[in-house]
Amino acid sequence: MKMSITDQHLNEFATHGYTFIEQLVPPKDRTRLCQRAMYLSQNPPQSILRDPQAPGTPSIYKNFQMHGDFHMEDLLESLVPEIEQVTQRPLFPTYSYFRVYKAEDVLNRHVDRPACEFSVSLNLGYRAPAPWLLWVEGPLGARGAAMEPGDAVVYRGLECPHWRESFTGEFVAQLFLHYVDQEGPHAEWKFDKRPRLRTIPKRYQHSKDFRLAQGVQNAPLGTLIFQKLQANCAVPDIVNDTMMEFQLSQIEAEAVVTQFILELEKSGLLFVD
């Protein structure tokens, strides 16, 4: 069970511009996401980005013009009520992002871009002698947060400089979730100006010209996905069938299926709820 948000969190955020939350994400979820982050960092898809804030460190950000990993975008969306409670504002999720830091990595002191009005830094897991401090500076000074897996810091990304000193362990998998005030000056950054979050769609509708997609798929894999979509199969079931038929990993199958759906969305042949 996720830890509940307390008055202490609200007061600390209102006063300092940031707050530390123990076990924001329960062990089962953060373990699954940590394993996913490690797999993706070791088997990099097209979405791997070399981020100048942490040179040489694998980061998942952009994939097929849609930011983030599917499951981490799910967490971004599911945590909206908790982050709204902390910030006391109605929020739009913008995007998710993660890094797997390695020995001797540093994070330069910086503030975030407009899509990161309210940010969450979440520890998914680490191997090191001690937690690696995330320093956050608010109007009353700076604090170093020692995060265990599942712990998070919620902070005002545009106002609070944050940084990390040199890392002495083996790895840290860190997930970043970003939000904007629905009624604020950065509301235009909803979904980071994407059509939607990059979650795996649960429902979709065909356009009247959907049959035209039959001529653009890459056979035989594309044929299978098209036929399943045409039969109104649930996307998770299409992923499972793709895994079995073509001996793909879940991550590979999700990437192929969601890319196919994204191309149909961009062509106006499929509409995702």
C-alpha atoms as a PDB file:
ATOM      1  CA  MET A   1       0.000   0.000   0.000  1.00  0.00           C
ATOM      2  CA  LYS A   2       1.216   3.493  -0.839  1.00  0.00           C
ATOM      3  CA  MET A   3       1.963   5.794   2.063  1.00  0.00           C
ATOM      4  CA  SER A   4      -0.736   8.371   2.713  1.00  0.00           C
ATOM      5  CA  ILE A   5      -0.013  12.069   2.342  1.00  0.00           C
ATOM      6  CA  THR A   6       0.016  13.837   5.708  1.00  0.00           C
ATOM      7  CA  ASP A   7      -0.348  17.421   6.914  1.00  0.00           C
ATOM      8  CA  GLN A   8       3.396  17.408   7.508  1.00  0.00           C
ATOM      9  CA  HIS A   9       3.998  16.814   3.797  1.00  0.00           C
ATOM     10  CA  LEU A  10       1.607  19.632   2.877  1.00  0.00           C
ATOM     11  CA  ASN A  11       3.152  22.068   5.343  1.00  0.00           C
ATOM     12  CA  GLU A  12       6.706  21.201   4.335  1.00  0.00           C
ATOM     13  CA  PHE A  13       5.932  21.624   0.641  1.00  0.00           C
ATOM     14  CA  ALA A  14       4.156  24.958   1.226  1.00  0.00           C
ATOM     15  CA  THR A  15       7.063  26.279   3.326  1.00  0.00           C
ATOM     16  CA  HIS A  16      10.145  24.832   1.641  1.00  0.00           C
ATOM     17  CA  GLY A  17       8.952  24.167  -1.904  1.00  0.00           C
ATOM     18  CA  TYR A  18       9.694  20.449  -1.543  1.00  0.00           C
ATOM     19  CA  THR A  19       8.866  17.474   0.657  1.00  0.00           C
ATOM     20  CA  PHE A  20      10.244  13.977   1.242  1.00  0.00           C
ATOM     21  CA  ILE A  21       7.757  11.089   1.105  1.00  0.00           C
ATOM     22  CA  GLU A  22       8.674   7.627   2.306  1.00  0.00           C
ATOM     23  CA  GLN A  23       7.295   4.714   0.289  1.00  0.00           C
ATOM     24  CA  LEU A  24       5.245   6.724  -2.170  1.00  0.00           C
ATOM     25  CA  VAL A  25       5.280   3.617  -4.372  1.00  0.00           C
ATOM     26  CA  PRO A  26       4.850   0.149  -2.809  1.00  0.00           C
ATOM     27  CA  PRO A  27       7.593  -2.520  -3.099  1.00  0.00           C
ATOM     28  CA  LYS A  28       5.849  -4.645  -5.732  1.00  0.00           C
ATOM     29  CA  ASP A  29       5.496  -1.727  -8.162  1.00  0.00           C
ATOM     30  CA  ARG A  30       8.893  -0.144  -7.610  1.00  0.00           C
ATOM     31  CA  THR A  31      10.632  -3.551  -7.919  1.00  0.00           C
ATOM     32  CA  ARG A  32       8.885  -4.209 -11.224  1.00  0.00           C
ATOM     33  CA  LEU A  33       9.804  -0.752 -12.528  1.00  0.00           C
ATOM     34  CA  CYS A  34      13.395  -1.075 -11.324  1.00  0.00           C
ATOM     35  CA  GLN A  35      13.770  -4.369 -13.190  1.00  0.00           C
ATOM     36  CA  ARG A  36      12.308  -2.713 -16.258  1.00  0.00           C
ATOM     37  CA  ALA A  37      14.678   0.255 -15.983  1.00  0.00           C
ATOM     38  CA  MET A  38      17.682  -2.026 -15.651  1.00  0.00           C
ATOM     39  CA  TYR A  39      16.598  -4.119 -18.647  1.00  0.00           C
ATOM     40  CA  LEU A  40      16.060  -1.063 -20.824  1.00  0.00           C
ATOM     41  CA  SER A  41      19.395   0.463 -19.826  1.00  0.00           C
ATOM     42  CA  GLN A  42      21.180  -2.780 -20.765  1.00  0.00           C
ATOM     43  CA  ASN A  43      19.094  -3.428 -23.910  1.00  0.00           C
ATOM     44  CA  PRO A  44      18.618   0.098 -25.171  1.00  0.00           C
ATOM     45  CA  PRO A  45      15.715   0.804 -27.547  1.00  0.00           C
ATOM     46  CA  GLN A  46      15.532   3.867 -29.777  1.00  0.00           C
ATOM     47  CA  SER A  47      14.355   5.819 -26.766  1.00  0.00           C
ATOM     48  CA  ILE A  48      17.781   5.896 -25.077  1.00  0.00           C
ATOM     49  CA  LEU A  49      18.983   9.479 -24.798  1.00  0.00           C
ATOM     50  CA  ARG A  50      22.400  10.705 -23.727  1.00  0.00           C
ATOM     51  CA  ASP A  51      21.414  13.534 -21.440  1.00  0.00           C
ATOM     52  CA  PRO A  52      23.885  16.436 -21.086  1.00  0.00           C
ATOM     53  CA  GLN A  53      22.834  16.776 -17.427  1.00  0.00           C
ATOM     54  CA  ALA A  54      24.310  13.312 -16.803  1.00  0.00           C
ATOM     55  CA  PRO A  55      26.686  12.532 -19.704  1.00  0.00           C
ATOM     56  CA  GLY A  56      27.115   8.861 -20.527  1.00  0.00           C
ATOM     57  CA  THR A  57      24.173   7.791 -18.378  1.00  0.00           C
ATOM     58  CA  PRO A  58      21.341   5.861 -20.088  1.00  0.00           C
ATOM     59  CA  SER A  59      18.067   7.795 -19.946  1.00  0.00           C
ATOM     60  CA  ILE A  60      14.651   6.882 -21.289  1.00  0.00           C
ATOM     61  CA  TYR A  61      12.943   9.938 -22.685  1.00  0.00           C
ATOM     62  CA  LYS A  62      11.859   9.903 -26.312  1.00  0.00           C
ATOM     63  CA  ASN A  63      10.592   6.932 -28.265  1.00  0.00           C
ATOM     64  CA  PHE A  64       8.773   7.217 -31.587  1.00  0.00           C
ATOM     65  CA  GLN A  65       8.048  10.900 -30.848  1.00  0.00           C
ATOM     66  CA  MET A  66       6.304   9.898 -27.629  1.00  0.00           C
ATOM     67  CA  HIS A  67       8.154  10.442 -24.357  1.00  0.00           C
ATOM     68  CA  GLY A  68       8.755   7.813 -21.755  1.00  0.00           C
ATOM     69  CA  ASP A  69       8.147   4.172 -21.051  1.00  0.00           C
ATOM     70  CA  PHE A  70       4.589   2.814 -21.121  1.00  0.00           C
ATOM     71  CA  HIS A  71       4.529   1.521 -17.558  1.00  0.00           C
ATOM     72  CA  MET A  72       6.195   4.579 -16.088  1.00  0.00           C
ATOM     73  CA  GLU A  73       3.661   6.770 -17.844  1.00  0.00           C
ATOM     74  CA  ASP A  74       0.999   4.649 -16.127  1.00  0.00           C
ATOM     75  CA  LEU A  75       2.551   5.540 -12.771  1.00  0.00           C
ATOM     76  CA  LEU A  76       2.738   9.207 -13.792  1.00  0.00           C
ATOM     77  CA  GLU A  77      -1.005   9.147 -14.382  1.00  0.00           C
ATOM     78  CA  SER A  78      -1.950   7.062 -11.345  1.00  0.00           C
ATOM     79  CA  LEU A  79      -0.097   9.331  -8.904  1.00  0.00           C
ATOM     80  CA  VAL A  80      -1.975  12.485  -9.929  1.00  0.00           C
ATOM     81  CA  PRO A  81      -4.277  12.424  -6.837  1.00  0.00           C
ATOM     82  CA  GLU A  82      -1.350  12.139  -4.413  1.00  0.00           C
ATOM     83  CA  ILE A  83       0.683  14.896  -6.062  1.00  0.00           C
ATOM     84  CA  GLU A  84      -2.395  17.126  -6.241  1.00  0.00           C
ATOM     85  CA  GLN A  85      -2.814  16.617  -2.515  1.00  0.00           C
ATOM     86  CA  VAL A  86       0.788  17.631  -1.842  1.00  0.00           C
ATOM     87  CA  THR A  87       0.739  20.699  -4.100  1.00  0.00           C
ATOM     88  CA  GLN A  88      -2.879  21.664  -3.343  1.00  0.00           C
ATOM     89  CA  ARG A  89      -3.370  22.342  -7.055  1.00  0.00           C
ATOM     90  CA  PRO A  90      -5.317  20.576  -9.871  1.00  0.00           C
ATOM     91  CA  LEU A  91      -2.661  19.057 -12.099  1.00  0.00           C
ATOM     92  CA  PHE A  92      -2.053  17.834 -15.627  1.00  0.00           C
ATOM     93  CA  PRO A  93       0.599  15.108 -15.993  1.00  0.00           C
ATOM     94  CA  THR A  94       3.236  16.072 -18.557  1.00  0.00           C
ATOM     95  CA  TYR A  95       5.839  13.311 -18.963  1.00  0.00           C
ATOM     96  CA  SER A  96       7.941  10.638 -17.267  1.00  0.00           C
ATOM     97  CA  TYR A  97      11.670  10.108 -17.554  1.00  0.00           C
ATOM     98  CA  PHE A  98      14.235   7.834 -15.935  1.00  0.00           C
ATOM     99  CA  ARG A  99      17.968   7.401 -15.611  1.00  0.00           C
ATOM    100  CA  VAL A 100      20.144   4.558 -14.418  1.00  0.00           C
ATOM    101  CA  TYR A 101      23.086   6.350 -12.851  1.00  0.00           C
ATOM    102  CA  LYS A 102      26.490   4.681 -12.595  1.00  0.00           C
ATOM    103  CA  ALA A 103      29.650   5.139 -10.533  1.00  0.00           C
ATOM    104  CA  GLU A 104      31.103   8.676 -10.542  1.00  0.00           C
ATOM    105  CA  ASP A 105      28.008  10.220 -12.129  1.00  0.00           C
ATOM    106  CA  VAL A 106      27.052  13.699 -11.005  1.00  0.00           C
ATOM    107  CA  LEU A 107      23.949  15.788 -11.597  1.00  0.00           C
ATOM    108  CA  ASN A 108      24.711  19.432 -12.178  1.00  0.00           C
ATOM    109  CA  ARG A 109      22.770  22.011 -10.212  1.00  0.00           C
ATOM    110  CA  HIS A 110      19.810  23.146 -12.301  1.00  0.00           C
ATOM    111  CA  VAL A 111      16.122  24.034 -12.413  1.00  0.00           C
ATOM    112  CA  ASP A 112      13.694  22.384 -14.778  1.00  0.00           C
ATOM    113  CA  ARG A 113      11.820  23.454 -17.908  1.00  0.00           C
ATOM    114  CA  PRO A 114       8.159  24.634 -17.993  1.00  0.00           C
ATOM    115  CA  ALA A 115       6.694  21.115 -18.304  1.00  0.00           C
ATOM    116  CA  CYS A 116       8.217  20.331 -14.888  1.00  0.00           C
ATOM    117  CA  GLU A 117       6.378  22.873 -12.747  1.00  0.00           C
ATOM    118  CA  PHE A 118       5.870  20.174 -10.104  1.00  0.00           C
ATOM    119  CA  SER A 119       8.323  17.295 -10.156  1.00  0.00           C
ATOM    120  CA  VAL A 120       8.748  13.955  -8.432  1.00  0.00           C
ATOM    121  CA  SER A 121      12.110  12.197  -8.123  1.00  0.00           C
ATOM    122  CA  LEU A 122      11.473   8.565  -7.192  1.00  0.00           C
ATOM    123  CA  ASN A 123      14.068   5.971  -6.232  1.00  0.00           C
ATOM    124  CA  LEU A 124      13.364   2.610  -7.898  1.00  0.00           C
ATOM    125  CA  GLY A 125      16.410   0.814  -6.521  1.00  0.00           C
ATOM    126  CA  TYR A 126      20.146   1.120  -5.998  1.00  0.00           C
ATOM    127  CA  ARG A 127      23.339  -0.749  -5.189  1.00  0.00           C
ATOM    128  CA  ALA A 128      25.636   1.426  -3.107  1.00  0.00           C
ATOM    129  CA  PRO A 129      27.071   1.647   0.430  1.00  0.00           C
ATOM    130  CA  ALA A 130      24.486   4.312   1.305  1.00  0.00           C
ATOM    131  CA  PRO A 131      21.647   6.259  -0.352  1.00  0.00           C
ATOM    132  CA  TRP A 132      22.847   8.862  -2.845  1.00  0.00           C
ATOM    133  CA  LEU A 133      21.674  12.277  -1.685  1.00  0.00           C
ATOM    134  CA  LEU A 134      19.477  14.423  -3.906  1.00  0.00           C
ATOM    135  CA  TRP A 135      20.001  18.045  -2.884  1.00  0.00           C
ATOM    136  CA  VAL A 136      17.060  20.412  -3.263  1.00  0.00           C
ATOM    137  CA  GLU A 137      17.215  24.110  -2.406  1.00  0.00           C
ATOM    138  CA  GLY A 138      14.091  26.025  -1.445  1.00  0.00           C
ATOM    139  CA  PRO A 139      13.547  29.529  -0.043  1.00  0.00           C
ATOM    140  CA  LEU A 140      14.711  28.408   3.423  1.00  0.00           C
ATOM    141  CA  GLY A 141      17.827  26.596   2.272  1.00  0.00           C
ATOM    142  CA  ALA A 142      18.977  23.252   0.874  1.00  0.00           C
ATOM    143  CA  ARG A 143      18.385  19.718   2.108  1.00  0.00           C
ATOM    144  CA  GLY A 144      19.883  16.416   1.034  1.00  0.00           C
ATOM    145  CA  ALA A 145      17.280  13.676   0.683  1.00  0.00           C
ATOM    146  CA  ALA A 146      18.455  10.088   1.291  1.00  0.00           C
ATOM    147  CA  MET A 147      15.976   7.988  -0.670  1.00  0.00           C
ATOM    148  CA  GLU A 148      15.459   4.272  -0.207  1.00  0.00           C
ATOM    149  CA  PRO A 149      13.643   2.331  -2.973  1.00  0.00           C
ATOM    150  CA  GLY A 150      10.063   3.581  -3.160  1.00  0.00           C
ATOM    151  CA  ASP A 151      10.878   6.935  -1.527  1.00  0.00           C
ATOM    152  CA  ALA A 152      10.355  10.206  -3.394  1.00  0.00           C
ATOM    153  CA  VAL A 153      10.944  13.925  -3.246  1.00  0.00           C
ATOM    154  CA  VAL A 154       8.182  16.198  -4.575  1.00  0.00           C
ATOM    155  CA  TYR A 155       9.459  19.682  -5.419  1.00  0.00           C
ATOM    156  CA  ARG A 156       8.785  22.829  -7.403  1.00  0.00           C
ATOM    157  CA  GLY A 157      10.907  22.066 -10.446  1.00  0.00           C
ATOM    158  CA  LEU A 158      10.990  25.610 -11.847  1.00  0.00           C
ATOM    159  CA  GLU A 159      11.839  27.258  -8.538  1.00  0.00           C
ATOM    160  CA  CYS A 160      14.012  24.846  -6.562  1.00  0.00           C
ATOM    161  CA  PRO A 161      17.556  24.176  -7.803  1.00  0.00           C
ATOM    162  CA  HIS A 162      18.491  20.523  -7.362  1.00  0.00           C
ATOM    163  CA  TRP A 163      21.662  18.496  -7.870  1.00  0.00           C
ATOM    164  CA  ARG A 164      23.722  15.453  -6.869  1.00  0.00           C
ATOM    165  CA  GLU A 165      27.390  15.120  -6.019  1.00  0.00           C
ATOM    166  CA  SER A 166      29.596  12.293  -7.335  1.00  0.00           C
ATOM    167  CA  PHE A 167      28.069   8.823  -6.927  1.00  0.00           C
ATOM    168  CA  THR A 168      30.230   6.172  -5.251  1.00  0.00           C
ATOM    169  CA  GLY A 169      28.042   3.098  -5.763  1.00  0.00           C
ATOM    170  CA  GLU A 170      27.295   0.714  -8.645  1.00  0.00           C
ATOM    171  CA  PHE A 171      23.921   2.009  -9.870  1.00  0.00           C
ATOM    172  CA  VAL A 172      20.825   4.030  -8.968  1.00  0.00           C
ATOM    173  CA  ALA A 173      17.600   3.716 -10.972  1.00  0.00           C
ATOM    174  CA  GLN A 174      15.736   6.999 -10.610  1.00  0.00           C
ATOM    175  CA  LEU A 175      12.351   7.871 -12.100  1.00  0.00           C
ATOM    176  CA  PHE A 176      11.152  11.439 -12.693  1.00  0.00           C
ATOM    177  CA  LEU A 177       7.472  12.357 -12.994  1.00  0.00           C
ATOM    178  CA  HIS A 178       6.349  15.838 -14.013  1.00  0.00           C
ATOM    179  CA  TYR A 179       3.140  17.861 -13.730  1.00  0.00           C
ATOM    180  CA  VAL A 180       1.755  21.357 -14.338  1.00  0.00           C
ATOM    181  CA  ASP A 181      -1.009  23.380 -12.704  1.00  0.00           C
ATOM    182  CA  GLN A 182      -4.216  23.072 -14.753  1.00  0.00           C
ATOM    183  CA  GLU A 183      -5.015  26.714 -14.001  1.00  0.00           C
ATOM    184  CA  GLY A 184      -1.470  28.091 -14.128  1.00  0.00           C
ATOM    185  CA  PRO A 185       0.738  29.748 -16.759  1.00  0.00           C
ATOM    186  CA  HIS A 186       2.230  26.419 -17.867  1.00  0.00           C
ATOM    187  CA  ALA A 187      -1.021  24.512 -18.467  1.00  0.00           C
ATOM    188  CA  GLU A 188      -0.227  24.388 -22.199  1.00  0.00           C
ATOM    189  CA  TRP A 189       2.415  21.765 -21.344  1.00  0.00           C
ATOM    190  CA  LYS A 190      -0.259  19.173 -20.554  1.00  0.00           C
ATOM    191  CA  PHE A 191       1.108  15.794 -21.721  1.00  0.00           C
ATOM    192  CA  ASP A 192       4.254  17.776 -22.698  1.00  0.00           C
ATOM    193  CA  LYS A 193       2.248  18.984 -25.714  1.00  0.00           C
ATOM    194  CA  ARG A 194       1.643  15.412 -26.917  1.00  0.00           C
ATOM    195  CA  PRO A 195      -1.794  14.168 -27.981  1.00  0.00           C
ATOM    196  CA  ARG A 196      -1.868  11.904 -24.909  1.00  0.00           C
ATOM    197  CA  LEU A 197       0.334  10.141 -22.400  1.00  0.00           C
ATOM    198  CA  ARG A 198       2.314   7.212 -23.709  1.00  0.00           C
ATOM    199  CA  THR A 199       0.392   4.623 -21.745  1.00  0.00           C
ATOM    200  CA  ILE A 200      -0.690   1.374 -23.356  1.00  0.00           C
ATOM    201  CA  PRO A 201      -4.222   2.137 -24.603  1.00  0.00           C
ATOM    202  CA  LYS A 202      -7.008   0.031 -23.147  1.00  0.00           C
ATOM    203  CA  ARG A 203      -9.689   1.142 -25.619  1.00  0.00           C
ATOM    204  CA  TYR A 204      -9.677   2.414 -29.191  1.00  0.00           C
ATOM    205  CA  GLN A 205     -12.051   3.173 -32.039  1.00  0.00           C
ATOM    206  CA  HIS A 206     -11.627   2.620 -35.770  1.00  0.00           C
ATOM    207  CA  SER A 207     -12.204   5.321 -38.337  1.00  0.00           C
ATOM    208  CA  LYS A 208     -14.397   4.473 -41.310  1.00  0.00           C
ATOM    209  CA  ASP A 209     -11.207   4.202 -43.381  1.00  0.00           C
ATOM    210  CA  PHE A 210      -9.464   1.841 -40.967  1.00  0.00           C
ATOM    211  CA  ARG A 211      -9.301  -0.871 -43.635  1.00  0.00           C
ATOM    212  CA  LEU A 212      -6.724   1.299 -45.448  1.00  0.00           C
ATOM    213  CA  ALA A 213      -4.206   0.329 -42.776  1.00  0.00           C
ATOM    214  CA  GLN A 214      -4.192  -3.193 -44.164  1.00  0.00           C
ATOM    215  CA  GLY A 215      -1.996  -2.012 -47.008  1.00  0.00           C
ATOM    216  CA  VAL A 216       0.651  -0.321 -44.849  1.00  0.00           C
ATOM    217  CA  GLN A 217       1.550  -2.954 -42.242  1.00  0.00           C
ATOM    218  CA  ASN A 218       4.845  -4.768 -42.300  1.00  0.00           C
ATOM    219  CA  ALA A 219       3.987  -8.441 -42.832  1.00  0.00           C
ATOM    220  CA  PRO A 220       3.807 -10.799 -41.100  1.00  0.00           C
ATOM    221  CA  LEU A 221       4.069  -9.081 -37.723  1.00  0.00           C
ATOM    222  CA  GLY A 222       2.067  -6.066 -38.865  1.00  0.00           C
ATOM    223  CA  THR A 223      -0.579  -8.332 -40.337  1.00  0.00           C
ATOM    224  CA  LEU A 224      -1.103  -9.992 -36.969  1.00  0.00           C
ATOM    225  CA  ILE A 225      -1.424  -6.663 -35.157  1.00  0.00           C
ATOM    226  CA  PHE A 226      -3.801  -5.274 -37.773  1.00  0.00           C
ATOM    227  CA  GLN A 227      -6.041  -8.336 -37.614  1.00  0.00           C
ATOM    228  CA  LYS A 228      -6.165  -8.188 -33.833  1.00  0.00           C
ATOM    229  CA  LEU A 229      -7.023  -4.488 -33.870  1.00  0.00           C
ATOM    230  CA  GLN A 230      -9.667  -5.092 -36.504  1.00  0.00           C
ATOM    231  CA  ALA A 231     -11.194  -7.742 -34.227  1.00  0.00           C
ATOM    232  CA  ASN A 232     -11.283  -5.222 -31.346  1.00  0.00           C
ATOM    233  CA  CYS A 233      -8.884  -7.243 -29.211  1.00  0.00           C
ATOM    234  CA  ALA A 234      -7.572  -5.582 -26.059  1.00  0.00           C
ATOM    235  CA  VAL A 235      -4.078  -4.161 -26.488  1.00  0.00           C
ATOM    236  CA  PRO A 236      -2.543  -6.245 -23.651  1.00  0.00           C
ATOM    237  CA  ASP A 237      -3.893  -9.364 -25.401  1.00  0.00           C
ATOM    238  CA  ILE A 238      -2.358  -8.228 -28.699  1.00  0.00           C
ATOM    239  CA  VAL A 239       0.972  -7.771 -26.905  1.00  0.00           C
ATOM    240  CA  ASN A 240       0.755 -11.275 -25.448  1.00  0.00           C
ATOM    241  CA  ASP A 241      -0.120 -12.812 -28.837  1.00  0.00           C
ATOM    242  CA  THR A 242       2.753 -10.941 -30.478  1.00  0.00           C
ATOM    243  CA  MET A 243       5.155 -12.221 -27.821  1.00  0.00           C
ATOM    244  CA  MET A 244       4.091 -15.819 -28.361  1.00  0.00           C
ATOM    245  CA  GLU A 245       3.877 -15.727 -32.156  1.00  0.00           C
ATOM    246  CA  PHE A 246       7.217 -13.989 -32.770  1.00  0.00           C
ATOM    247  CA  GLN A 247       9.130 -15.005 -29.618  1.00  0.00           C
ATOM    248  CA  LEU A 248       9.598 -11.432 -28.480  1.00  0.00           C
ATOM    249  CA  SER A 249      10.132 -10.159 -24.960  1.00  0.00           C
ATOM    250  CA  GLN A 250       7.296  -8.198 -23.393  1.00  0.00           C
ATOM    251  CA  ILE A 251       9.229  -4.952 -23.813  1.00  0.00           C
ATOM    252  CA  GLU A 252       9.903  -5.668 -27.501  1.00  0.00           C
ATOM    253  CA  ALA A 253       6.283  -6.662 -28.159  1.00  0.00           C
ATOM    254  CA  GLU A 254       4.923  -3.573 -26.393  1.00  0.00           C
ATOM    255  CA  ALA A 255       7.216  -1.351 -28.439  1.00  0.00           C
ATOM    256  CA  VAL A 256       6.111  -2.919 -31.742  1.00  0.00           C
ATOM    257  CA  VAL A 257       2.384  -2.926 -30.948  1.00  0.00           C
ATOM    258  CA  THR A 258       2.253   0.587 -29.524  1.00  0.00           C
ATOM    259  CA  GLN A 259       4.317   1.958 -32.411  1.00  0.00           C
ATOM    260  CA  PHE A 260       1.858   0.394 -34.861  1.00  0.00           C
ATOM    261  CA  ILE A 261      -1.044   1.966 -32.958  1.00  0.00           C
ATOM    262  CA  LEU A 262       0.734   5.329 -32.830  1.00  0.00           C
ATOM    263  CA  GLU A 263       1.195   5.335 -36.604  1.00  0.00           C
ATOM    264  CA  LEU A 264      -2.510   4.580 -37.075  1.00  0.00           C
ATOM    265  CA  GLU A 265      -3.361   7.418 -34.659  1.00  0.00           C
ATOM    266  CA  LYS A 266      -1.149   9.846 -36.564  1.00  0.00           C
ATOM    267  CA  SER A 267      -2.855   8.789 -39.813  1.00  0.00           C
ATOM    268  CA  GLY A 268      -6.316   9.343 -38.314  1.00  0.00           C
ATOM    269  CA  LEU A 269      -7.247   5.692 -38.801  1.00  0.00           C
ATOM    270  CA  LEU A 270      -7.452   4.828 -35.099  1.00  0.00           C
ATOM    271  CA  PHE A 271      -8.646   6.840 -32.113  1.00  0.00           C
ATOM    272  CA  VAL A 272      -7.448   6.033 -28.615  1.00  0.00           C
ATOM    273  CA  ASP A 273      -9.631   6.880 -25.601  1.00  0.00           C
END
